[in-house]
Amino acid sequence: MGFRPRLNLCIQYDGVTQEPAIPDTTTTELKPSTIRGHILFVFAVLLTLALAWRLLRVLEIVYVSALFAVVLTPVVDHIMRLRIRRWHPSRIIAIVALLITVFAALAVFFIIGLPPVIRDIQHFAADLPARIPSLVAKLKHLPLADKFGVDNLAQRAETLASSTAQYLFNSAPKWLGHLFDLLTAFVLCIYFMLEGDDAYHYFLSLVPIAARPRLDRTLLTAEQRMSKWLIGQASLMLILGVCSTIAFGLLHVRYFVLLGVLMGLFNIVPVAGGIITILLAAGIAAVDSWEKMVGVLVFYAVYIQVENGFLTPRIMKSSVDLMGLTVLISLLIGTALAGVVGALVAIPTAALIAVLLDEYLVQKDEPAPTQ
């Protein structure tokens, strides 16, 4: 066996040799006050979670109101920067102007746009049982139609239509029950826009002083990008809806107003939403003629090129770059948690989380050294 020398850890100070202090590795006993503090902390956390679960609906309304206030606040600030000679609007006047604009847009939609949509829905529900057999007869002439069970398509479609109509009828009281929640969220949103700065600074005061500047900078970036993303996506949805309605109307496609509205709404889901609605529009056009179906597909192919090459780079260039998978997953999670309201706030929430992750967790590669 080899000889292992012993390390000499002695230290000399002014000729006096001293042994280094060896830390005590024995387990220290917890004081009773410390144990009570841990128990009280766990109890407080459990009580907070139970209270949050009990007030889940209220917290949902508060969160939705705060999120929409965050998205709309940059618009209010932009209105406040307008000047007419020496006068510029205050925050209250800017909020009132924004509300008047929103209500005017909704009034125009309900008066002009909603009646044709409802009429198309009624005609579609009435014509569907008679149209399915003719569509099935056309599909039988396609290659390999027998292998896909085209004969049972009519019965399946009628069953699906009846179940969908029954679901909409049964869920009508539930939709009416949410009117009070919408009114409450609307009032809270106004208060958040009025007093949001005070609430925001109070929230920052709960964070350690050293971490406040970074968190403040990150949240302000998230606010700007969320607002720009929502406005940009709404613009793309509106453009597609209007263009689709005009194109389908020129092609004399049945229910062209309803199809145009669906095209705009489903455009919030990248790729998948457009494919689903264009297949629906092409199927309805194919009931009348194959030429109309080809026209619908050609229109969508041309529009996609214009949107990807011209509209999206200019409208969405400064927004959060959310992947299509992220948008779809956030919509699914939001819908599962809070229904339609959850779907409305899902994507802005995903944008907020993306900015926070990019700032605090994402490890960015260092730029390669230049030669």
Protein backbone atom coordinates (compact mmCIF):
# COMPACT_ATOMS: atom_id res chain seq x y z
CA MET A 1 0.00 0.00 0.00
CA GLY A 2 1.21 3.45 -0.82
CA PHE A 3 1.89 6.18 1.64
CA ARG A 4 -0.54 9.13 1.52
CA PRO A 5 0.85 12.27 3.12
CA ARG A 6 -1.32 14.25 5.45
CA LEU A 7 -2.18 17.78 4.33
CA ASN A 8 -0.91 20.44 6.61
CA LEU A 9 -3.62 23.04 7.00
CA CYS A 10 -1.87 25.03 9.66
CA ILE A 11 -1.58 28.76 9.06
CA GLN A 12 1.07 30.97 10.59
CA TYR A 13 0.24 34.49 11.76
CA ASP A 14 3.26 36.49 13.01
CA GLY A 15 5.18 33.30 13.73
CA VAL A 16 2.31 31.74 15.68
CA THR A 17 0.88 28.59 14.19
CA GLN A 18 -2.93 28.38 14.28
CA GLU A 19 -5.21 25.56 13.31
CA PRO A 20 -8.02 26.62 10.93
CA ALA A 21 -11.48 26.66 12.39
CA ILE A 22 -13.48 23.60 11.37
CA PRO A 23 -17.16 24.40 10.83
CA ASP A 24 -19.62 22.59 12.99
CA THR A 25 -21.46 20.13 10.76
CA THR A 26 -23.86 18.94 13.40
CA THR A 27 -27.51 19.53 12.71
CA THR A 28 -28.87 22.56 14.48
CA GLU A 29 -32.21 22.22 16.11
CA LEU A 30 -35.03 24.40 14.86
CA LYS A 31 -36.42 26.86 17.31
CA PRO A 32 -40.11 26.53 18.22
CA SER A 33 -40.80 29.98 16.74
CA THR A 34 -39.28 28.87 13.41
CA ILE A 35 -41.42 25.73 13.34
CA ARG A 36 -44.53 27.77 14.09
CA GLY A 37 -43.58 30.18 11.29
CA HIS A 38 -43.29 27.34 8.75
CA ILE A 39 -46.62 25.88 9.84
CA LEU A 40 -48.34 29.26 9.58
CA PHE A 41 -46.81 29.85 6.13
CA VAL A 42 -48.07 26.49 4.82
CA PHE A 43 -51.48 27.14 6.34
CA ALA A 44 -51.60 30.61 4.72
CA VAL A 45 -50.69 29.16 1.31
CA LEU A 46 -53.39 26.49 1.59
CA LEU A 47 -55.94 29.06 2.72
CA THR A 48 -55.02 31.35 -0.20
CA LEU A 49 -55.41 28.51 -2.71
CA ALA A 50 -58.76 27.51 -1.22
CA LEU A 51 -59.96 31.11 -1.33
CA ALA A 52 -58.75 31.49 -4.93
CA TRP A 53 -60.62 28.32 -5.91
CA ARG A 54 -63.73 29.63 -4.18
CA LEU A 55 -63.45 32.99 -5.96
CA LEU A 56 -62.37 31.53 -9.28
CA ARG A 57 -65.15 33.20 -11.26
CA VAL A 58 -64.44 36.59 -9.69
CA LEU A 59 -60.70 36.26 -10.34
CA GLU A 60 -61.46 35.32 -13.93
CA ILE A 61 -63.51 38.50 -14.43
CA VAL A 62 -60.80 40.63 -12.78
CA TYR A 63 -58.05 39.09 -14.91
CA VAL A 64 -60.00 39.53 -18.15
CA SER A 65 -60.75 43.15 -17.27
CA ALA A 66 -57.14 43.89 -16.37
CA LEU A 67 -55.84 42.24 -19.54
CA PHE A 68 -58.15 44.19 -21.82
CA ALA A 69 -57.25 47.37 -19.96
CA VAL A 70 -53.56 46.64 -20.56
CA VAL A 71 -54.24 46.07 -24.26
CA LEU A 72 -56.36 49.21 -24.63
CA THR A 73 -54.24 51.56 -22.50
CA PRO A 74 -51.75 52.34 -25.33
CA VAL A 75 -54.72 53.37 -27.49
CA VAL A 76 -55.92 55.68 -24.71
CA ASP A 77 -52.41 57.15 -24.37
CA HIS A 78 -52.29 57.75 -28.12
CA ILE A 79 -55.60 59.64 -27.96
CA MET A 80 -54.29 61.71 -25.05
CA ARG A 81 -51.29 62.81 -27.16
CA LEU A 82 -53.59 64.39 -29.76
CA ARG A 83 -53.58 68.18 -29.67
CA ILE A 84 -56.08 70.68 -30.99
CA ARG A 85 -54.25 73.98 -30.76
CA ARG A 86 -53.38 74.20 -27.04
CA TRP A 87 -55.94 71.66 -25.86
CA HIS A 88 -55.37 67.95 -25.52
CA PRO A 89 -57.82 65.40 -24.13
CA SER A 90 -57.51 64.15 -20.58
CA ARG A 91 -57.52 60.45 -19.70
CA ILE A 92 -61.25 60.44 -18.96
CA ILE A 93 -62.08 62.12 -22.27
CA ALA A 94 -59.76 59.70 -24.10
CA ILE A 95 -61.49 56.70 -22.51
CA VAL A 96 -64.91 58.11 -23.37
CA ALA A 97 -63.81 58.68 -26.97
CA LEU A 98 -62.52 55.10 -27.18
CA LEU A 99 -65.78 53.72 -25.76
CA ILE A 100 -67.84 55.77 -28.21
CA THR A 101 -65.76 54.43 -31.10
CA VAL A 102 -66.14 50.82 -29.92
CA PHE A 103 -69.88 51.17 -29.38
CA ALA A 104 -70.29 52.80 -32.79
CA ALA A 105 -68.41 49.94 -34.46
CA LEU A 106 -70.53 47.37 -32.62
CA ALA A 107 -73.71 49.22 -33.54
CA VAL A 108 -72.74 49.23 -37.21
CA PHE A 109 -72.01 45.50 -37.07
CA PHE A 110 -75.27 44.64 -35.29
CA ILE A 111 -77.37 46.83 -37.57
CA ILE A 112 -75.68 46.15 -40.91
CA GLY A 113 -73.61 43.00 -40.58
CA LEU A 114 -75.50 40.77 -38.15
CA PRO A 115 -78.89 40.48 -39.94
CA PRO A 116 -77.36 38.98 -43.13
CA VAL A 117 -75.37 36.52 -41.01
CA ILE A 118 -78.49 35.41 -39.13
CA ARG A 119 -80.40 35.12 -42.40
CA ASP A 120 -77.66 32.96 -43.91
CA ILE A 121 -77.64 30.74 -40.81
CA GLN A 122 -81.40 30.24 -41.08
CA HIS A 123 -81.21 29.48 -44.80
CA PHE A 124 -78.29 27.13 -44.26
CA ALA A 125 -80.15 25.20 -41.56
CA ALA A 126 -83.26 24.98 -43.74
CA ASP A 127 -81.43 23.99 -46.95
CA LEU A 128 -78.99 21.52 -45.40
CA PRO A 129 -81.27 18.43 -45.39
CA ALA A 130 -82.15 18.95 -49.06
CA ARG A 131 -78.61 19.82 -50.15
CA ILE A 132 -76.81 16.86 -48.61
CA PRO A 133 -78.19 14.19 -51.01
CA SER A 134 -77.16 16.20 -54.07
CA LEU A 135 -73.68 16.72 -52.63
CA VAL A 136 -73.39 13.01 -51.88
CA ALA A 137 -74.46 12.19 -55.45
CA LYS A 138 -71.67 14.40 -56.80
CA LEU A 139 -69.12 12.86 -54.46
CA LYS A 140 -69.99 9.37 -55.73
CA HIS A 141 -68.57 10.28 -59.11
CA LEU A 142 -65.14 10.97 -57.58
CA PRO A 143 -62.45 8.24 -57.65
CA LEU A 144 -62.34 5.91 -54.63
CA ALA A 145 -65.58 7.38 -53.31
CA ASP A 146 -66.92 3.97 -52.25
CA LYS A 147 -63.93 3.30 -49.98
CA PHE A 148 -64.67 6.38 -47.86
CA GLY A 149 -68.26 5.42 -47.07
CA VAL A 150 -69.92 8.21 -49.01
CA ASP A 151 -73.32 6.48 -48.73
CA ASN A 152 -73.38 7.07 -44.98
CA LEU A 153 -72.30 10.68 -45.32
CA ALA A 154 -75.83 12.06 -45.54
CA GLN A 155 -76.97 10.35 -42.37
CA ARG A 156 -73.85 11.44 -40.47
CA ALA A 157 -74.18 15.04 -41.63
CA GLU A 158 -77.86 15.21 -40.66
CA THR A 159 -77.06 13.78 -37.22
CA LEU A 160 -74.26 16.30 -36.75
CA ALA A 161 -76.46 19.21 -37.83
CA SER A 162 -79.29 18.21 -35.50
CA SER A 163 -76.92 17.71 -32.54
CA THR A 164 -75.26 21.09 -33.20
CA ALA A 165 -78.63 22.85 -33.36
CA GLN A 166 -79.73 21.12 -30.14
CA TYR A 167 -76.49 22.20 -28.42
CA LEU A 168 -76.94 25.82 -29.47
CA PHE A 169 -80.55 25.77 -28.26
CA ASN A 170 -79.68 24.25 -24.89
CA SER A 171 -76.73 26.58 -24.31
CA ALA A 172 -78.73 29.77 -24.98
CA PRO A 173 -79.68 30.29 -21.28
CA LYS A 174 -76.04 29.84 -20.31
CA TRP A 175 -75.00 32.57 -22.77
CA LEU A 176 -77.63 34.89 -21.31
CA GLY A 177 -76.29 34.18 -17.82
CA HIS A 178 -72.91 35.63 -18.80
CA LEU A 179 -74.36 39.05 -19.65
CA PHE A 180 -73.94 40.24 -16.06
CA ASP A 181 -70.33 39.02 -16.06
CA LEU A 182 -69.66 40.93 -19.28
CA LEU A 183 -71.15 44.10 -17.79
CA THR A 184 -69.05 43.69 -14.65
CA ALA A 185 -65.89 43.12 -16.69
CA PHE A 186 -66.69 46.20 -18.77
CA VAL A 187 -66.98 48.42 -15.67
CA LEU A 188 -63.81 46.96 -14.16
CA CYS A 189 -61.94 47.53 -17.41
CA ILE A 190 -62.82 51.24 -17.27
CA TYR A 191 -61.58 51.48 -13.68
CA PHE A 192 -58.35 49.68 -14.58
CA MET A 193 -57.74 52.18 -17.40
CA LEU A 194 -58.42 55.07 -15.03
CA GLU A 195 -56.43 53.84 -12.04
CA GLY A 196 -54.16 51.28 -13.66
CA ASP A 197 -50.96 53.29 -13.06
CA ASP A 198 -51.53 53.40 -9.31
CA ALA A 199 -52.29 49.67 -9.19
CA TYR A 200 -49.21 48.92 -11.31
CA HIS A 201 -46.85 50.90 -9.07
CA TYR A 202 -48.36 49.25 -5.99
CA PHE A 203 -47.65 45.87 -7.58
CA LEU A 204 -44.04 46.88 -8.26
CA SER A 205 -43.65 47.94 -4.64
CA LEU A 206 -44.10 44.29 -3.62
CA VAL A 207 -40.98 43.33 -5.61
CA PRO A 208 -37.44 43.81 -4.20
CA ILE A 209 -35.97 47.16 -5.20
CA ALA A 210 -33.06 45.65 -7.12
CA ALA A 211 -35.40 43.62 -9.35
CA ARG A 212 -37.91 46.40 -10.08
CA PRO A 213 -36.24 48.09 -13.09
CA ARG A 214 -35.89 44.83 -15.01
CA LEU A 215 -39.45 43.69 -14.24
CA ASP A 216 -40.81 47.15 -15.10
CA ARG A 217 -38.99 47.14 -18.43
CA THR A 218 -40.20 43.61 -19.23
CA LEU A 219 -43.84 44.31 -18.38
CA LEU A 220 -43.85 47.52 -20.43
CA THR A 221 -42.44 45.58 -23.39
CA ALA A 222 -45.11 42.93 -22.91
CA GLU A 223 -47.83 45.58 -22.77
CA GLN A 224 -46.72 47.17 -26.04
CA ARG A 225 -46.34 43.88 -27.87
CA MET A 226 -49.65 42.48 -26.62
CA SER A 227 -51.47 45.59 -27.78
CA LYS A 228 -49.73 45.61 -31.17
CA TRP A 229 -50.35 41.90 -31.65
CA LEU A 230 -54.06 42.21 -30.86
CA ILE A 231 -54.55 45.24 -33.10
CA GLY A 232 -52.52 43.66 -35.91
CA GLN A 233 -54.34 40.32 -35.70
CA ALA A 234 -57.71 42.08 -35.62
CA SER A 235 -56.70 44.02 -38.74
CA LEU A 236 -55.76 40.82 -40.58
CA MET A 237 -59.02 39.17 -39.54
CA LEU A 238 -61.03 42.18 -40.72
CA ILE A 239 -59.21 42.32 -44.07
CA LEU A 240 -59.73 38.61 -44.73
CA GLY A 241 -63.38 38.77 -43.69
CA VAL A 242 -64.16 41.71 -45.95
CA CYS A 243 -62.21 40.32 -48.93
CA SER A 244 -63.80 36.88 -48.53
CA THR A 245 -67.30 38.32 -48.34
CA ILE A 246 -66.74 40.38 -51.50
CA ALA A 247 -65.12 37.50 -53.40
CA PHE A 248 -67.76 34.95 -52.41
CA GLY A 249 -70.48 37.44 -53.28
CA LEU A 250 -69.01 38.02 -56.74
CA LEU A 251 -68.84 34.25 -57.25
CA HIS A 252 -72.51 33.94 -56.15
CA VAL A 253 -71.63 31.45 -53.43
CA ARG A 254 -74.50 30.65 -51.10
CA TYR A 255 -74.34 32.16 -47.61
CA PHE A 256 -71.40 34.34 -48.67
CA VAL A 257 -71.87 36.77 -45.75
CA LEU A 258 -71.78 33.96 -43.17
CA LEU A 259 -68.77 32.38 -44.86
CA GLY A 260 -66.93 35.72 -44.96
CA VAL A 261 -67.53 36.29 -41.23
CA LEU A 262 -66.32 32.77 -40.45
CA MET A 263 -63.21 33.28 -42.58
CA GLY A 264 -62.34 36.40 -40.60
CA LEU A 265 -63.04 34.88 -37.18
CA PHE A 266 -61.16 31.63 -37.77
CA ASN A 267 -58.14 33.52 -39.07
CA ILE A 268 -57.10 33.94 -35.44
CA VAL A 269 -55.81 30.35 -35.65
CA PRO A 270 -52.83 30.37 -38.05
CA VAL A 271 -53.02 27.98 -41.01
CA ALA A 272 -55.58 25.58 -39.48
CA GLY A 273 -58.35 28.17 -39.14
CA GLY A 274 -58.04 29.28 -42.76
CA ILE A 275 -57.90 25.71 -44.07
CA ILE A 276 -61.04 24.67 -42.18
CA THR A 277 -63.10 27.63 -43.35
CA ILE A 278 -61.90 27.50 -46.96
CA LEU A 279 -62.78 23.80 -47.13
CA LEU A 280 -66.22 24.65 -45.78
CA ALA A 281 -66.65 27.43 -48.34
CA ALA A 282 -65.38 25.19 -51.15
CA GLY A 283 -67.78 22.42 -50.12
CA ILE A 284 -70.77 24.79 -50.12
CA ALA A 285 -69.70 26.20 -53.51
CA ALA A 286 -69.32 22.66 -54.90
CA VAL A 287 -73.02 22.00 -54.23
CA ASP A 288 -73.84 24.52 -56.98
CA SER A 289 -70.97 23.91 -59.41
CA TRP A 290 -67.37 22.81 -59.58
CA GLU A 291 -66.48 26.13 -61.21
CA LYS A 292 -67.51 28.03 -58.07
CA MET A 293 -65.43 25.70 -55.93
CA VAL A 294 -62.39 26.30 -58.13
CA GLY A 295 -63.00 30.06 -57.89
CA VAL A 296 -63.10 29.88 -54.08
CA LEU A 297 -59.84 27.91 -53.94
CA VAL A 298 -58.12 30.27 -56.39
CA PHE A 299 -59.20 33.30 -54.36
CA TYR A 300 -57.79 31.82 -51.15
CA ALA A 301 -54.52 30.82 -52.82
CA VAL A 302 -54.03 34.37 -54.14
CA TYR A 303 -54.99 35.95 -50.81
CA ILE A 304 -52.53 33.78 -48.87
CA GLN A 305 -49.70 34.99 -51.09
CA VAL A 306 -50.72 38.64 -50.59
CA GLU A 307 -51.09 38.20 -46.81
CA ASN A 308 -47.79 36.40 -46.29
CA GLY A 309 -45.80 38.58 -48.66
CA PHE A 310 -47.29 42.03 -48.04
CA LEU A 311 -49.79 42.33 -45.16
CA THR A 312 -48.22 40.28 -42.37
CA PRO A 313 -44.68 41.76 -42.61
CA ARG A 314 -46.09 45.29 -42.34
CA ILE A 315 -48.89 44.78 -39.81
CA MET A 316 -47.27 42.23 -37.48
CA LYS A 317 -43.61 43.24 -37.76
CA SER A 318 -43.39 44.70 -34.23
CA SER A 319 -45.59 42.19 -32.41
CA VAL A 320 -44.69 39.06 -30.50
CA ASP A 321 -43.69 36.26 -32.86
CA LEU A 322 -46.00 33.49 -31.67
CA MET A 323 -45.79 30.13 -33.39
CA GLY A 324 -48.97 28.62 -34.78
CA LEU A 325 -48.64 25.71 -32.35
CA THR A 326 -48.42 28.15 -29.44
CA VAL A 327 -51.56 29.98 -30.59
CA LEU A 328 -53.51 26.73 -31.02
CA ILE A 329 -52.46 25.31 -27.64
CA SER A 330 -53.25 28.58 -25.86
CA LEU A 331 -56.70 28.68 -27.46
CA LEU A 332 -57.40 25.10 -26.40
CA ILE A 333 -56.26 25.75 -22.82
CA GLY A 334 -58.16 29.03 -22.58
CA THR A 335 -61.35 27.47 -23.94
CA ALA A 336 -61.07 24.52 -21.55
CA LEU A 337 -60.54 26.79 -18.54
CA ALA A 338 -63.03 29.60 -19.22
CA GLY A 339 -64.94 28.92 -22.44
CA VAL A 340 -65.24 31.77 -24.94
CA VAL A 341 -63.87 34.31 -22.46
CA GLY A 342 -60.80 32.15 -21.97
CA ALA A 343 -60.32 31.93 -25.72
CA LEU A 344 -60.45 35.73 -25.98
CA VAL A 345 -57.66 36.27 -23.46
CA ALA A 346 -55.65 33.14 -24.28
CA ILE A 347 -53.44 34.63 -26.97
CA PRO A 348 -52.63 37.93 -25.16
CA THR A 349 -51.76 35.80 -22.12
CA ALA A 350 -49.52 33.62 -24.28
CA ALA A 351 -47.83 36.78 -25.58
CA LEU A 352 -47.24 37.97 -22.00
CA ILE A 353 -45.77 34.61 -21.00
CA ALA A 354 -43.58 34.58 -24.12
CA VAL A 355 -42.06 37.97 -23.21
CA LEU A 356 -41.44 36.90 -19.59
CA LEU A 357 -39.83 33.63 -20.68
CA ASP A 358 -37.68 35.44 -23.23
CA GLU A 359 -36.43 37.83 -20.56
CA TYR A 360 -35.90 35.53 -17.59
CA LEU A 361 -35.47 31.95 -18.81
CA VAL A 362 -34.37 31.83 -22.45
CA GLN A 363 -30.62 31.36 -22.79
CA LYS A 364 -29.65 33.25 -25.92
CA ASP A 365 -26.63 32.20 -27.97
CA GLU A 366 -23.70 34.58 -27.96
CA PRO A 367 -22.99 36.19 -31.33
CA ALA A 368 -20.18 34.58 -33.25
CA PRO A 369 -16.94 36.61 -33.18
CA THR A 370 -16.26 38.55 -36.31
CA GLN A 371 -13.17 37.64 -38.27
